[in-house]
């Protein structure tokens, strides 16, 4: 289970999943959907492969944050270059 600031959840999980870092534009767009204290859960096969699984507890929210959907970390957001 990873608990952390928005950008650390993406950075740590992508590393475990053997994915390359997001582009700057993709990262900025995606990170806006993750609250300061987000939670994701990854499970290992015991060797070196990790996958996202449903977290054991619902996401924490407060009045200014929308409900966090951890599945946003599993996708690459297409961003048109400016």
N, C-alpha and C. Protein backbone atom coordinates (compact mmCIF):
# COMPACT_ATOMS: atom_id res chain seq x y z
N UNK A 1 0.85 -1.16 0.00
CA UNK A 1 0.00 0.00 0.00
C UNK A 1 0.91 1.22 0.00
N UNK A 2 0.59 2.19 -0.85
CA UNK A 2 1.31 3.46 -0.89
C UNK A 2 0.39 4.57 -0.45
N UNK A 3 0.85 5.38 0.46
CA UNK A 3 0.13 6.58 0.87
C UNK A 3 1.09 7.72 0.66
N UNK A 4 0.65 8.75 -0.05
CA UNK A 4 1.56 9.84 -0.26
C UNK A 4 0.94 10.99 -1.00
N UNK A 5 1.75 11.99 -1.25
CA UNK A 5 1.34 13.16 -2.01
C UNK A 5 1.09 12.74 -3.45
N UNK A 6 0.26 13.47 -4.13
CA UNK A 6 -0.18 13.11 -5.48
C UNK A 6 0.95 12.68 -6.40
N UNK A 7 1.99 13.48 -6.49
CA UNK A 7 3.04 13.14 -7.45
C UNK A 7 3.83 11.91 -7.03
N UNK A 8 3.98 11.66 -5.74
CA UNK A 8 4.74 10.48 -5.32
C UNK A 8 3.99 9.19 -5.63
N UNK A 9 2.66 9.20 -5.54
CA UNK A 9 1.91 7.98 -5.88
C UNK A 9 2.17 7.57 -7.32
N UNK A 10 2.15 8.51 -8.22
CA UNK A 10 2.39 8.20 -9.63
C UNK A 10 3.83 7.77 -9.85
N UNK A 11 4.77 8.51 -9.31
CA UNK A 11 6.19 8.19 -9.52
C UNK A 11 6.55 6.83 -8.96
N UNK A 12 6.15 6.54 -7.74
CA UNK A 12 6.49 5.26 -7.13
C UNK A 12 5.80 4.09 -7.81
N UNK A 13 4.51 4.25 -8.14
CA UNK A 13 3.79 3.14 -8.74
C UNK A 13 4.29 2.86 -10.16
N UNK A 14 4.59 3.88 -10.93
CA UNK A 14 5.10 3.65 -12.29
C UNK A 14 6.45 2.92 -12.25
N UNK A 15 7.26 3.25 -11.29
CA UNK A 15 8.55 2.57 -11.15
C UNK A 15 8.33 1.08 -10.84
N UNK A 16 7.45 0.78 -9.91
CA UNK A 16 7.16 -0.63 -9.58
C UNK A 16 6.57 -1.39 -10.76
N UNK A 17 5.80 -0.70 -11.60
CA UNK A 17 5.14 -1.33 -12.74
C UNK A 17 6.04 -1.36 -13.99
N UNK A 18 7.29 -0.93 -13.84
CA UNK A 18 8.26 -0.90 -14.94
C UNK A 18 7.80 -0.02 -16.10
N UNK A 19 7.12 1.08 -15.76
CA UNK A 19 6.68 2.04 -16.78
C UNK A 19 7.62 3.24 -16.76
N UNK A 20 7.77 3.86 -17.91
CA UNK A 20 8.60 5.05 -17.99
C UNK A 20 7.86 6.24 -17.38
N UNK A 21 8.59 7.26 -16.97
CA UNK A 21 7.93 8.45 -16.40
C UNK A 21 6.99 9.08 -17.43
N UNK A 22 5.98 9.74 -16.94
CA UNK A 22 5.04 10.45 -17.81
C UNK A 22 5.70 11.68 -18.42
N UNK A 23 5.17 12.13 -19.53
CA UNK A 23 5.63 13.41 -20.07
C UNK A 23 5.20 14.51 -19.10
N UNK A 24 5.84 15.64 -19.18
CA UNK A 24 5.51 16.75 -18.28
C UNK A 24 4.04 17.14 -18.41
N UNK A 25 3.54 17.26 -19.64
CA UNK A 25 2.16 17.66 -19.86
C UNK A 25 1.18 16.61 -19.31
N UNK A 26 1.48 15.34 -19.55
CA UNK A 26 0.64 14.25 -19.07
C UNK A 26 0.63 14.23 -17.55
N UNK A 27 1.79 14.40 -16.94
CA UNK A 27 1.92 14.38 -15.49
C UNK A 27 1.13 15.51 -14.84
N UNK A 28 1.28 16.72 -15.37
CA UNK A 28 0.59 17.89 -14.80
C UNK A 28 -0.92 17.70 -14.87
N UNK A 29 -1.42 17.21 -15.99
CA UNK A 29 -2.86 17.01 -16.14
C UNK A 29 -3.37 15.92 -15.18
N UNK A 30 -2.66 14.82 -15.07
CA UNK A 30 -3.09 13.70 -14.24
C UNK A 30 -3.03 14.04 -12.75
N UNK A 31 -1.97 14.71 -12.32
CA UNK A 31 -1.76 14.95 -10.89
C UNK A 31 -2.84 15.86 -10.29
N UNK A 32 -3.52 16.63 -11.12
CA UNK A 32 -4.60 17.50 -10.63
C UNK A 32 -5.78 16.69 -10.08
N UNK A 33 -5.89 15.44 -10.45
CA UNK A 33 -7.00 14.59 -9.99
C UNK A 33 -6.68 13.78 -8.74
N UNK A 34 -5.51 13.99 -8.16
CA UNK A 34 -5.11 13.22 -6.99
C UNK A 34 -4.97 14.15 -5.79
N UNK A 35 -5.63 13.84 -4.67
CA UNK A 35 -5.55 14.70 -3.49
C UNK A 35 -4.18 14.61 -2.82
N UNK A 36 -3.94 15.50 -1.87
CA UNK A 36 -2.67 15.53 -1.17
C UNK A 36 -2.33 14.22 -0.49
N UNK A 37 -3.30 13.57 0.10
CA UNK A 37 -3.04 12.30 0.78
C UNK A 37 -3.85 11.21 0.08
N UNK A 38 -3.34 10.74 -1.02
CA UNK A 38 -4.01 9.68 -1.77
C UNK A 38 -3.51 8.32 -1.34
N UNK A 39 -4.24 7.29 -1.73
CA UNK A 39 -3.90 5.93 -1.35
C UNK A 39 -4.08 5.02 -2.55
N UNK A 40 -3.09 4.21 -2.83
CA UNK A 40 -3.20 3.17 -3.85
C UNK A 40 -2.63 1.89 -3.26
N UNK A 41 -3.07 0.77 -3.79
CA UNK A 41 -2.56 -0.52 -3.35
C UNK A 41 -2.07 -1.29 -4.55
N UNK A 42 -0.87 -1.80 -4.44
CA UNK A 42 -0.29 -2.65 -5.47
C UNK A 42 0.03 -4.00 -4.84
N UNK A 43 -0.10 -5.05 -5.63
CA UNK A 43 0.20 -6.39 -5.15
C UNK A 43 1.28 -6.99 -6.04
N UNK A 44 2.19 -7.71 -5.42
CA UNK A 44 3.27 -8.34 -6.17
C UNK A 44 2.98 -9.83 -6.35
N UNK A 45 3.56 -10.39 -7.40
CA UNK A 45 3.45 -11.82 -7.62
C UNK A 45 4.53 -12.57 -6.83
N UNK A 46 5.30 -11.84 -6.06
CA UNK A 46 6.35 -12.45 -5.25
C UNK A 46 7.70 -12.45 -5.94
N UNK A 47 7.71 -12.09 -7.21
CA UNK A 47 8.98 -12.06 -7.94
C UNK A 47 9.34 -10.61 -8.20
N UNK A 48 8.78 -10.03 -9.28
CA UNK A 48 9.10 -8.64 -9.57
C UNK A 48 8.00 -7.97 -10.38
N UNK A 49 6.83 -8.55 -10.44
CA UNK A 49 5.72 -7.95 -11.16
C UNK A 49 4.68 -7.44 -10.18
N UNK A 50 4.23 -6.20 -10.41
CA UNK A 50 3.25 -5.55 -9.54
C UNK A 50 2.02 -5.18 -10.35
N UNK A 51 0.86 -5.19 -9.70
CA UNK A 51 -0.39 -4.74 -10.32
C UNK A 51 -1.19 -3.95 -9.29
N UNK A 52 -2.01 -3.03 -9.79
CA UNK A 52 -2.92 -2.29 -8.91
C UNK A 52 -4.05 -3.21 -8.49
N UNK A 53 -4.47 -3.08 -7.25
CA UNK A 53 -5.65 -3.78 -6.73
C UNK A 53 -6.49 -2.76 -5.97
N UNK A 54 -7.74 -3.10 -5.73
CA UNK A 54 -8.61 -2.19 -4.96
C UNK A 54 -8.03 -1.97 -3.57
N UNK A 55 -7.97 -0.71 -3.13
CA UNK A 55 -7.47 -0.43 -1.78
C UNK A 55 -8.36 -1.06 -0.71
N UNK A 56 -7.80 -1.37 0.45
CA UNK A 56 -8.57 -2.00 1.52
C UNK A 56 -9.53 -1.05 2.23
N UNK A 57 -9.36 0.25 2.02
CA UNK A 57 -10.23 1.25 2.64
C UNK A 57 -10.64 2.27 1.57
N UNK A 58 -11.78 2.93 1.75
CA UNK A 58 -12.18 3.95 0.78
C UNK A 58 -11.24 5.15 0.85
N UNK A 59 -11.19 5.94 -0.23
CA UNK A 59 -10.31 7.11 -0.23
C UNK A 59 -10.73 8.15 0.80
N UNK A 60 -9.75 8.84 1.33
CA UNK A 60 -10.03 9.93 2.27
C UNK A 60 -10.39 11.17 1.47
N UNK A 61 -11.39 11.88 1.91
CA UNK A 61 -11.77 13.11 1.23
C UNK A 61 -12.07 14.18 2.26
N UNK A 62 -12.03 15.42 1.80
CA UNK A 62 -12.53 16.52 2.61
C UNK A 62 -13.36 17.40 1.69
N UNK A 63 -13.88 18.46 2.21
CA UNK A 63 -14.85 19.25 1.44
C UNK A 63 -14.28 19.87 0.17
N UNK A 64 -12.97 20.11 0.09
CA UNK A 64 -12.45 20.76 -1.11
C UNK A 64 -11.89 19.77 -2.14
N UNK A 65 -11.77 18.51 -1.78
CA UNK A 65 -11.24 17.51 -2.71
C UNK A 65 -12.38 16.65 -3.23
N UNK A 66 -12.31 16.36 -4.54
CA UNK A 66 -13.27 15.38 -5.06
C UNK A 66 -12.78 13.99 -4.67
N UNK A 67 -13.66 13.02 -4.74
CA UNK A 67 -13.32 11.64 -4.37
C UNK A 67 -12.25 11.11 -5.31
N UNK A 68 -11.19 10.55 -4.75
CA UNK A 68 -10.04 10.06 -5.52
C UNK A 68 -10.35 8.71 -6.15
N UNK A 69 -10.15 8.63 -7.44
CA UNK A 69 -10.28 7.37 -8.16
C UNK A 69 -8.87 6.90 -8.51
N UNK A 70 -8.36 5.92 -7.81
CA UNK A 70 -6.99 5.46 -7.99
C UNK A 70 -6.71 4.94 -9.40
N UNK A 71 -7.76 4.60 -10.14
CA UNK A 71 -7.57 4.05 -11.49
C UNK A 71 -7.02 5.08 -12.46
N UNK A 72 -7.04 6.36 -12.07
CA UNK A 72 -6.44 7.39 -12.93
C UNK A 72 -4.94 7.12 -13.11
N UNK A 73 -4.32 6.46 -12.16
CA UNK A 73 -2.90 6.14 -12.27
C UNK A 73 -2.62 5.03 -13.27
N UNK A 74 -3.64 4.27 -13.66
CA UNK A 74 -3.43 3.15 -14.57
C UNK A 74 -3.50 3.57 -16.03
N UNK A 75 -3.84 4.82 -16.30
CA UNK A 75 -3.99 5.26 -17.67
C UNK A 75 -2.97 6.33 -18.03
N UNK A 76 -2.74 6.46 -19.31
CA UNK A 76 -1.95 7.56 -19.83
C UNK A 76 -2.90 8.55 -20.43
N UNK A 77 -2.81 9.79 -20.01
CA UNK A 77 -3.71 10.85 -20.47
C UNK A 77 -3.12 11.47 -21.72
N UNK A 78 -3.90 11.52 -22.77
CA UNK A 78 -3.44 12.16 -24.00
C UNK A 78 -3.56 13.66 -23.88
N UNK A 79 -2.47 14.34 -24.08
CA UNK A 79 -2.43 15.80 -23.97
C UNK A 79 -1.88 16.34 -25.27
N UNK A 80 -2.58 17.27 -25.86
CA UNK A 80 -2.09 17.91 -27.09
C UNK A 80 -0.98 18.87 -26.73
N UNK A 81 0.15 18.82 -27.46
CA UNK A 81 1.24 19.76 -27.15
C UNK A 81 0.82 21.19 -27.48
N UNK A 82 1.25 22.12 -26.65
CA UNK A 82 0.92 23.55 -26.86
C UNK A 82 2.00 24.22 -27.66
